[in-house]
PDB file of N, CA and C in Angstrom:
ATOM      1  N   MET A   1       0.410   7.032 -18.897  1.00  0.00           N
ATOM      2  CA  MET A   1       1.005   6.849 -17.602  1.00  0.00           C
ATOM      3  C   MET A   1       2.310   6.091 -17.745  1.00  0.00           C
ATOM      4  N   ASN A   2       3.163   6.623 -18.538  1.00  0.00           N
ATOM      5  CA  ASN A   2       4.438   5.981 -18.826  1.00  0.00           C
ATOM      6  C   ASN A   2       5.331   5.942 -17.600  1.00  0.00           C
ATOM      7  N   ASN A   3       6.213   4.956 -17.560  1.00  0.00           N
ATOM      8  CA  ASN A   3       7.231   4.818 -16.520  1.00  0.00           C
ATOM      9  C   ASN A   3       6.662   4.628 -15.117  1.00  0.00           C
ATOM     10  N   LEU A   4       5.455   4.179 -15.002  1.00  0.00           N
ATOM     11  CA  LEU A   4       4.864   3.910 -13.692  1.00  0.00           C
ATOM     12  C   LEU A   4       4.592   2.430 -13.567  1.00  0.00           C
ATOM     13  N   ASN A   5       4.747   1.899 -12.354  1.00  0.00           N
ATOM     14  CA  ASN A   5       4.435   0.491 -12.172  1.00  0.00           C
ATOM     15  C   ASN A   5       2.918   0.301 -12.130  1.00  0.00           C
ATOM     16  N   SER A   6       2.463  -0.921 -12.184  1.00  0.00           N
ATOM     17  CA  SER A   6       1.026  -1.198 -12.273  1.00  0.00           C
ATOM     18  C   SER A   6       0.274  -0.733 -11.029  1.00  0.00           C
ATOM     19  N   LYS A   7       0.906  -0.793  -9.852  1.00  0.00           N
ATOM     20  CA  LYS A   7       0.254  -0.322  -8.631  1.00  0.00           C
ATOM     21  C   LYS A   7      -0.007   1.180  -8.711  1.00  0.00           C
ATOM     22  N   SER A   8       0.967   1.925  -9.207  1.00  0.00           N
ATOM     23  CA  SER A   8       0.807   3.375  -9.371  1.00  0.00           C
ATOM     24  C   SER A   8      -0.272   3.686 -10.394  1.00  0.00           C
ATOM     25  N   GLN A   9      -0.304   2.926 -11.484  1.00  0.00           N
ATOM     26  CA  GLN A   9      -1.324   3.142 -12.508  1.00  0.00           C
ATOM     27  C   GLN A   9      -2.723   2.892 -11.957  1.00  0.00           C
ATOM     28  N   LEU A  10      -2.872   1.849 -11.139  1.00  0.00           N
ATOM     29  CA  LEU A  10      -4.172   1.576 -10.520  1.00  0.00           C
ATOM     30  C   LEU A  10      -4.577   2.703  -9.573  1.00  0.00           C
ATOM     31  N   LEU A  11      -3.626   3.205  -8.799  1.00  0.00           N
ATOM     32  CA  LEU A  11      -3.898   4.296  -7.877  1.00  0.00           C
ATOM     33  C   LEU A  11      -4.349   5.545  -8.625  1.00  0.00           C
ATOM     34  N   ILE A  12      -3.665   5.876  -9.700  1.00  0.00           N
ATOM     35  CA  ILE A  12      -4.036   7.047 -10.497  1.00  0.00           C
ATOM     36  C   ILE A  12      -5.444   6.873 -11.063  1.00  0.00           C
ATOM     37  N   GLY A  13      -5.759   5.676 -11.540  1.00  0.00           N
ATOM     38  CA  GLY A  13      -7.106   5.410 -12.051  1.00  0.00           C
ATOM     39  C   GLY A  13      -8.167   5.582 -10.982  1.00  0.00           C
ATOM     40  N   GLU A  14      -7.887   5.110  -9.766  1.00  0.00           N
ATOM     41  CA  GLU A  14      -8.839   5.255  -8.657  1.00  0.00           C
ATOM     42  C   GLU A  14      -9.033   6.724  -8.287  1.00  0.00           C
ATOM     43  N   ILE A  15      -7.939   7.466  -8.229  1.00  0.00           N
ATOM     44  CA  ILE A  15      -8.030   8.893  -7.915  1.00  0.00           C
ATOM     45  C   ILE A  15      -8.852   9.615  -8.972  1.00  0.00           C
ATOM     46  N   LYS A  16      -8.593   9.304 -10.234  1.00  0.00           N
ATOM     47  CA  LYS A  16      -9.321   9.932 -11.351  1.00  0.00           C
ATOM     48  C   LYS A  16     -10.817   9.665 -11.238  1.00  0.00           C
ATOM     49  N   GLU A  17     -11.192   8.418 -10.988  1.00  0.00           N
ATOM     50  CA  GLU A  17     -12.608   8.066 -10.872  1.00  0.00           C
ATOM     51  C   GLU A  17     -13.279   8.806  -9.721  1.00  0.00           C
ATOM     52  N   LYS A  18     -12.612   8.882  -8.569  1.00  0.00           N
ATOM     53  CA  LYS A  18     -13.187   9.555  -7.408  1.00  0.00           C
ATOM     54  C   LYS A  18     -13.354  11.047  -7.655  1.00  0.00           C
ATOM     55  N   LEU A  19     -12.347  11.662  -8.269  1.00  0.00           N
ATOM     56  CA  LEU A  19     -12.445  13.096  -8.560  1.00  0.00           C
ATOM     57  C   LEU A  19     -13.563  13.384  -9.553  1.00  0.00           C
ATOM     58  N   GLU A  20     -13.679  12.581 -10.591  1.00  0.00           N
ATOM     59  CA  GLU A  20     -14.751  12.773 -11.580  1.00  0.00           C
ATOM     60  C   GLU A  20     -16.119  12.592 -10.931  1.00  0.00           C
ATOM     61  N   ALA A  21     -16.238  11.631 -10.014  1.00  0.00           N
ATOM     62  CA  ALA A  21     -17.509  11.404  -9.324  1.00  0.00           C
ATOM     63  C   ALA A  21     -17.888  12.602  -8.450  1.00  0.00           C
ATOM     64  N   GLU A  22     -16.891  13.368  -8.000  1.00  0.00           N
ATOM     65  CA  GLU A  22     -17.146  14.553  -7.186  1.00  0.00           C
ATOM     66  C   GLU A  22     -17.299  15.815  -8.030  1.00  0.00           C
ATOM     67  N   GLY A  23     -17.341  15.664  -9.355  1.00  0.00           N
ATOM     68  CA  GLY A  23     -17.602  16.788 -10.239  1.00  0.00           C
ATOM     69  C   GLY A  23     -16.381  17.512 -10.783  1.00  0.00           C
ATOM     70  N   TYR A  24     -15.191  16.990 -10.548  1.00  0.00           N
ATOM     71  CA  TYR A  24     -13.986  17.607 -11.092  1.00  0.00           C
ATOM     72  C   TYR A  24     -13.851  17.282 -12.574  1.00  0.00           C
ATOM     73  N   LYS A  25     -13.309  18.207 -13.329  1.00  0.00           N
ATOM     74  CA  LYS A  25     -12.836  17.929 -14.681  1.00  0.00           C
ATOM     75  C   LYS A  25     -11.417  17.432 -14.506  1.00  0.00           C
ATOM     76  N   VAL A  26     -11.097  16.257 -15.026  1.00  0.00           N
ATOM     77  CA  VAL A  26      -9.781  15.649 -14.805  1.00  0.00           C
ATOM     78  C   VAL A  26      -9.061  15.477 -16.141  1.00  0.00           C
ATOM     79  N   ILE A  27      -7.827  15.956 -16.176  1.00  0.00           N
ATOM     80  CA  ILE A  27      -6.979  15.806 -17.351  1.00  0.00           C
ATOM     81  C   ILE A  27      -5.813  14.895 -16.955  1.00  0.00           C
ATOM     82  N   PRO A  28      -5.730  13.692 -17.518  1.00  0.00           N
ATOM     83  CA  PRO A  28      -4.626  12.779 -17.175  1.00  0.00           C
ATOM     84  C   PRO A  28      -3.408  13.005 -18.066  1.00  0.00           C
ATOM     85  N   ASN A  29      -2.252  12.586 -17.554  1.00  0.00           N
ATOM     86  CA  ASN A  29      -1.016  12.533 -18.348  1.00  0.00           C
ATOM     87  C   ASN A  29      -0.672  13.852 -19.029  1.00  0.00           C
ATOM     88  N   PHE A  30      -0.505  14.886 -18.247  1.00  0.00           N
ATOM     89  CA  PHE A  30      -0.224  16.219 -18.759  1.00  0.00           C
ATOM     90  C   PHE A  30       1.276  16.484 -18.706  1.00  0.00           C
ATOM     91  N   THR A  31       1.832  17.027 -19.777  1.00  0.00           N
ATOM     92  CA  THR A  31       3.246  17.380 -19.818  1.00  0.00           C
ATOM     93  C   THR A  31       3.369  18.887 -20.006  1.00  0.00           C
ATOM     94  N   MET A  32       4.242  19.496 -19.208  1.00  0.00           N
ATOM     95  CA  MET A  32       4.440  20.935 -19.312  1.00  0.00           C
ATOM     96  C   MET A  32       5.930  21.254 -19.242  1.00  0.00           C
ATOM     97  N   THR A  33       6.285  22.455 -19.698  1.00  0.00           N
ATOM     98  CA  THR A  33       7.659  22.918 -19.621  1.00  0.00           C
ATOM     99  C   THR A  33       7.692  24.171 -18.766  1.00  0.00           C
ATOM    100  N   SER A  34       8.633  24.212 -17.825  1.00  0.00           N
ATOM    101  CA  SER A  34       8.808  25.367 -16.960  1.00  0.00           C
ATOM    102  C   SER A  34      10.296  25.623 -16.804  1.00  0.00           C
ATOM    103  N   ARG A  35      10.712  26.827 -17.117  1.00  0.00           N
ATOM    104  CA  ARG A  35      12.126  27.206 -17.025  1.00  0.00           C
ATOM    105  C   ARG A  35      13.031  26.240 -17.774  1.00  0.00           C
ATOM    106  N   GLY A  36      12.558  25.796 -18.919  1.00  0.00           N
ATOM    107  CA  GLY A  36      13.352  24.923 -19.769  1.00  0.00           C
ATOM    108  C   GLY A  36      13.351  23.455 -19.389  1.00  0.00           C
ATOM    109  N   LYS A  37      12.638  23.092 -18.310  1.00  0.00           N
ATOM    110  CA  LYS A  37      12.579  21.697 -17.888  1.00  0.00           C
ATOM    111  C   LYS A  37      11.193  21.126 -18.174  1.00  0.00           C
ATOM    112  N   LYS A  38      11.180  19.880 -18.637  1.00  0.00           N
ATOM    113  CA  LYS A  38       9.934  19.188 -18.941  1.00  0.00           C
ATOM    114  C   LYS A  38       9.435  18.472 -17.683  1.00  0.00           C
ATOM    115  N   HIS A  39       8.155  18.625 -17.377  1.00  0.00           N
ATOM    116  CA  HIS A  39       7.545  18.004 -16.199  1.00  0.00           C
ATOM    117  C   HIS A  39       6.309  17.219 -16.624  1.00  0.00           C
ATOM    118  N   SER A  40       6.153  16.029 -16.066  1.00  0.00           N
ATOM    119  CA  SER A  40       4.934  15.264 -16.336  1.00  0.00           C
ATOM    120  C   SER A  40       4.083  15.262 -15.068  1.00  0.00           C
ATOM    121  N   ILE A  41       2.812  15.527 -15.248  1.00  0.00           N
ATOM    122  CA  ILE A  41       1.839  15.553 -14.162  1.00  0.00           C
ATOM    123  C   ILE A  41       0.874  14.398 -14.415  1.00  0.00           C
ATOM    124  N   ASN A  42       0.629  13.574 -13.401  1.00  0.00           N
ATOM    125  CA  ASN A  42      -0.244  12.419 -13.595  1.00  0.00           C
ATOM    126  C   ASN A  42      -1.693  12.833 -13.823  1.00  0.00           C
ATOM    127  N   LEU A  43      -2.166  13.811 -13.047  1.00  0.00           N
ATOM    128  CA  LEU A  43      -3.536  14.294 -13.213  1.00  0.00           C
ATOM    129  C   LEU A  43      -3.597  15.784 -12.916  1.00  0.00           C
ATOM    130  N   ILE A  44      -4.432  16.496 -13.661  1.00  0.00           N
ATOM    131  CA  ILE A  44      -4.821  17.855 -13.295  1.00  0.00           C
ATOM    132  C   ILE A  44      -6.309  17.777 -12.991  1.00  0.00           C
ATOM    133  N   ALA A  45      -6.697  18.241 -11.803  1.00  0.00           N
ATOM    134  CA  ALA A  45      -8.103  18.227 -11.383  1.00  0.00           C
ATOM    135  C   ALA A  45      -8.575  19.678 -11.266  1.00  0.00           C
ATOM    136  N   ILE A  46      -9.690  19.984 -11.907  1.00  0.00           N
ATOM    137  CA  ILE A  46     -10.196  21.354 -11.939  1.00  0.00           C
ATOM    138  C   ILE A  46     -11.628  21.375 -11.430  1.00  0.00           C
ATOM    139  N   ASN A  47     -11.894  22.303 -10.511  1.00  0.00           N
ATOM    140  CA  ASN A  47     -13.270  22.572 -10.104  1.00  0.00           C
ATOM    141  C   ASN A  47     -13.398  24.071  -9.864  1.00  0.00           C
ATOM    142  N   ARG A  48     -14.542  24.508  -9.335  1.00  0.00           N
ATOM    143  CA  ARG A  48     -14.771  25.942  -9.147  1.00  0.00           C
ATOM    144  C   ARG A  48     -13.829  26.572  -8.129  1.00  0.00           C
ATOM    145  N   LYS A  49     -13.272  25.777  -7.240  1.00  0.00           N
ATOM    146  CA  LYS A  49     -12.398  26.311  -6.191  1.00  0.00           C
ATOM    147  C   LYS A  49     -10.933  26.387  -6.603  1.00  0.00           C
ATOM    148  N   GLY A  50     -10.551  25.712  -7.681  1.00  0.00           N
ATOM    149  CA  GLY A  50      -9.156  25.790  -8.075  1.00  0.00           C
ATOM    150  C   GLY A  50      -8.712  24.711  -9.037  1.00  0.00           C
ATOM    151  N   VAL A  51      -7.417  24.730  -9.286  1.00  0.00           N
ATOM    152  CA  VAL A  51      -6.751  23.762 -10.155  1.00  0.00           C
ATOM    153  C   VAL A  51      -5.737  23.022  -9.291  1.00  0.00           C
ATOM    154  N   TYR A  52      -5.784  21.696  -9.329  1.00  0.00           N
ATOM    155  CA  TYR A  52      -4.934  20.872  -8.480  1.00  0.00           C
ATOM    156  C   TYR A  52      -4.103  19.930  -9.344  1.00  0.00           C
ATOM    157  N   LEU A  53      -2.812  19.855  -9.046  1.00  0.00           N
ATOM    158  CA  LEU A  53      -1.916  18.950  -9.762  1.00  0.00           C
ATOM    159  C   LEU A  53      -1.661  17.729  -8.891  1.00  0.00           C
ATOM    160  N   VAL A  54      -1.751  16.545  -9.504  1.00  0.00           N
ATOM    161  CA  VAL A  54      -1.509  15.295  -8.775  1.00  0.00           C
ATOM    162  C   VAL A  54      -0.310  14.608  -9.419  1.00  0.00           C
ATOM    163  N   LYS A  55       0.716  14.380  -8.616  1.00  0.00           N
ATOM    164  CA  LYS A  55       1.917  13.684  -9.074  1.00  0.00           C
ATOM    165  C   LYS A  55       2.129  12.497  -8.152  1.00  0.00           C
ATOM    166  N   VAL A  56       2.092  11.300  -8.687  1.00  0.00           N
ATOM    167  CA  VAL A  56       2.257  10.092  -7.881  1.00  0.00           C
ATOM    168  C   VAL A  56       3.738   9.747  -7.821  1.00  0.00           C
ATOM    169  N   LYS A  57       4.226   9.548  -6.602  1.00  0.00           N
ATOM    170  CA  LYS A  57       5.608   9.129  -6.378  1.00  0.00           C
ATOM    171  C   LYS A  57       5.597   7.771  -5.706  1.00  0.00           C
ATOM    172  N   ASN A  58       6.569   6.979  -5.998  1.00  0.00           N
ATOM    173  CA  ASN A  58       6.679   5.652  -5.422  1.00  0.00           C
ATOM    174  C   ASN A  58       7.841   5.655  -4.440  1.00  0.00           C
ATOM    175  N   LEU A  59       7.559   5.979  -3.162  1.00  0.00           N
ATOM    176  CA  LEU A  59       8.599   6.061  -2.140  1.00  0.00           C
ATOM    177  C   LEU A  59       8.425   4.940  -1.130  1.00  0.00           C
ATOM    178  N   ASN A  60       9.519   4.373  -0.713  1.00  0.00           N
ATOM    179  CA  ASN A  60       9.504   3.409   0.376  1.00  0.00           C
ATOM    180  C   ASN A  60       9.990   4.158   1.611  1.00  0.00           C
ATOM    181  N   ALA A  61       9.115   5.053   2.125  1.00  0.00           N
ATOM    182  CA  ALA A  61       9.500   5.943   3.206  1.00  0.00           C
ATOM    183  C   ALA A  61       8.248   6.408   3.939  1.00  0.00           C
ATOM    184  N   VAL A  62       8.481   7.111   5.047  1.00  0.00           N
ATOM    185  CA  VAL A  62       7.382   7.689   5.824  1.00  0.00           C
ATOM    186  C   VAL A  62       7.429   9.198   5.653  1.00  0.00           C
ATOM    187  N   LEU A  63       6.307   9.799   5.231  1.00  0.00           N
ATOM    188  CA  LEU A  63       6.192  11.245   5.112  1.00  0.00           C
ATOM    189  C   LEU A  63       5.453  11.777   6.330  1.00  0.00           C
ATOM    190  N   THR A  64       5.970  12.853   6.934  1.00  0.00           N
ATOM    191  CA  THR A  64       5.290  13.468   8.061  1.00  0.00           C
ATOM    192  C   THR A  64       5.127  14.957   7.795  1.00  0.00           C
ATOM    193  N   GLY A  65       3.990  15.482   8.212  1.00  0.00           N
ATOM    194  CA  GLY A  65       3.665  16.890   8.033  1.00  0.00           C
ATOM    195  C   GLY A  65       2.171  17.038   7.892  1.00  0.00           C
ATOM    196  N   ASP A  66       1.705  18.276   7.852  1.00  0.00           N
ATOM    197  CA  ASP A  66       0.289  18.514   7.585  1.00  0.00           C
ATOM    198  C   ASP A  66       0.134  19.738   6.699  1.00  0.00           C
ATOM    199  N   TYR A  67      -1.082  20.086   6.387  1.00  0.00           N
ATOM    200  CA  TYR A  67      -1.340  21.128   5.404  1.00  0.00           C
ATOM    201  C   TYR A  67      -0.784  22.487   5.819  1.00  0.00           C
ATOM    202  N   LYS A  68      -0.527  22.721   7.107  1.00  0.00           N
ATOM    203  CA  LYS A  68      -0.001  23.998   7.577  1.00  0.00           C
ATOM    204  C   LYS A  68       1.510  24.123   7.378  1.00  0.00           C
ATOM    205  N   ASP A  69       2.186  22.993   7.215  1.00  0.00           N
ATOM    206  CA  ASP A  69       3.643  22.987   7.089  1.00  0.00           C
ATOM    207  C   ASP A  69       4.087  23.353   5.683  1.00  0.00           C
ATOM    208  N   LYS A  70       5.115  24.193   5.590  1.00  0.00           N
ATOM    209  CA  LYS A  70       5.701  24.496   4.281  1.00  0.00           C
ATOM    210  C   LYS A  70       6.472  23.303   3.745  1.00  0.00           C
ATOM    211  N   LEU A  71       7.162  22.598   4.632  1.00  0.00           N
ATOM    212  CA  LEU A  71       7.954  21.435   4.249  1.00  0.00           C
ATOM    213  C   LEU A  71       7.488  20.210   5.026  1.00  0.00           C
ATOM    214  N   TRP A  72       7.475  19.088   4.354  1.00  0.00           N
ATOM    215  CA  TRP A  72       7.217  17.815   5.020  1.00  0.00           C
ATOM    216  C   TRP A  72       8.540  17.081   5.121  1.00  0.00           C
ATOM    217  N   GLN A  73       8.638  16.167   6.061  1.00  0.00           N
ATOM    218  CA  GLN A  73       9.870  15.391   6.195  1.00  0.00           C
ATOM    219  C   GLN A  73       9.638  13.975   5.671  1.00  0.00           C
ATOM    220  N   CYS A  74      10.633  13.473   4.974  1.00  0.00           N
ATOM    221  CA  CYS A  74      10.601  12.122   4.423  1.00  0.00           C
ATOM    222  C   CYS A  74      11.710  11.329   5.096  1.00  0.00           C
ATOM    223  N   GLU A  75      11.348  10.180   5.684  1.00  0.00           N
ATOM    224  CA  GLU A  75      12.349   9.332   6.330  1.00  0.00           C
ATOM    225  C   GLU A  75      12.302   7.940   5.704  1.00  0.00           C
ATOM    226  N   TYR A  76      13.455   7.539   5.157  1.00  0.00           N
ATOM    227  CA  TYR A  76      13.583   6.212   4.555  1.00  0.00           C
ATOM    228  C   TYR A  76      13.836   5.164   5.636  1.00  0.00           C
ATOM    229  N   GLU A  77      13.640   3.901   5.291  1.00  0.00           N
ATOM    230  CA  GLU A  77      13.848   2.800   6.234  1.00  0.00           C
ATOM    231  C   GLU A  77      15.278   2.742   6.775  1.00  0.00           C
ATOM    232  N   ASP A  78      16.242   3.202   5.981  1.00  0.00           N
ATOM    233  CA  ASP A  78      17.640   3.173   6.429  1.00  0.00           C
ATOM    234  C   ASP A  78      18.012   4.369   7.306  1.00  0.00           C
ATOM    235  N   GLY A  79      17.039   5.227   7.625  1.00  0.00           N
ATOM    236  CA  GLY A  79      17.272   6.362   8.500  1.00  0.00           C
ATOM    237  C   GLY A  79      17.567   7.679   7.796  1.00  0.00           C
ATOM    238  N   ARG A  80      17.828   7.646   6.478  1.00  0.00           N
ATOM    239  CA  ARG A  80      18.060   8.894   5.753  1.00  0.00           C
ATOM    240  C   ARG A  80      16.791   9.733   5.769  1.00  0.00           C
ATOM    241  N   THR A  81      16.959  11.062   5.887  1.00  0.00           N
ATOM    242  CA  THR A  81      15.809  11.959   5.870  1.00  0.00           C
ATOM    243  C   THR A  81      16.075  13.136   4.936  1.00  0.00           C
ATOM    244  N   PHE A  82      15.018  13.749   4.475  1.00  0.00           N
ATOM    245  CA  PHE A  82      15.119  15.032   3.786  1.00  0.00           C
ATOM    246  C   PHE A  82      13.795  15.757   3.948  1.00  0.00           C
ATOM    247  N   ASP A  83      13.867  17.084   3.819  1.00  0.00           N
ATOM    248  CA  ASP A  83      12.671  17.939   3.916  1.00  0.00           C
ATOM    249  C   ASP A  83      12.237  18.341   2.535  1.00  0.00           C
TER     250      ASP A  83
END
């Protein structure tokens, strides 16, 4: 879990434990290459229904949206937003 602060590392550990308790196979700290770019994934969770990628971000912002939305909106404390 390189380049993550201790709070993020604790969160990833908690997520991993909960997923394993629910029967997921969990692979931590996965690195992959796509279109020539290297990507790090904090956790890959696998069960009979699918494969899920978990990437922890450390944002000081409010995210709004729900599972039906293609894009979520992120608003920072200074008022900047992006989708």
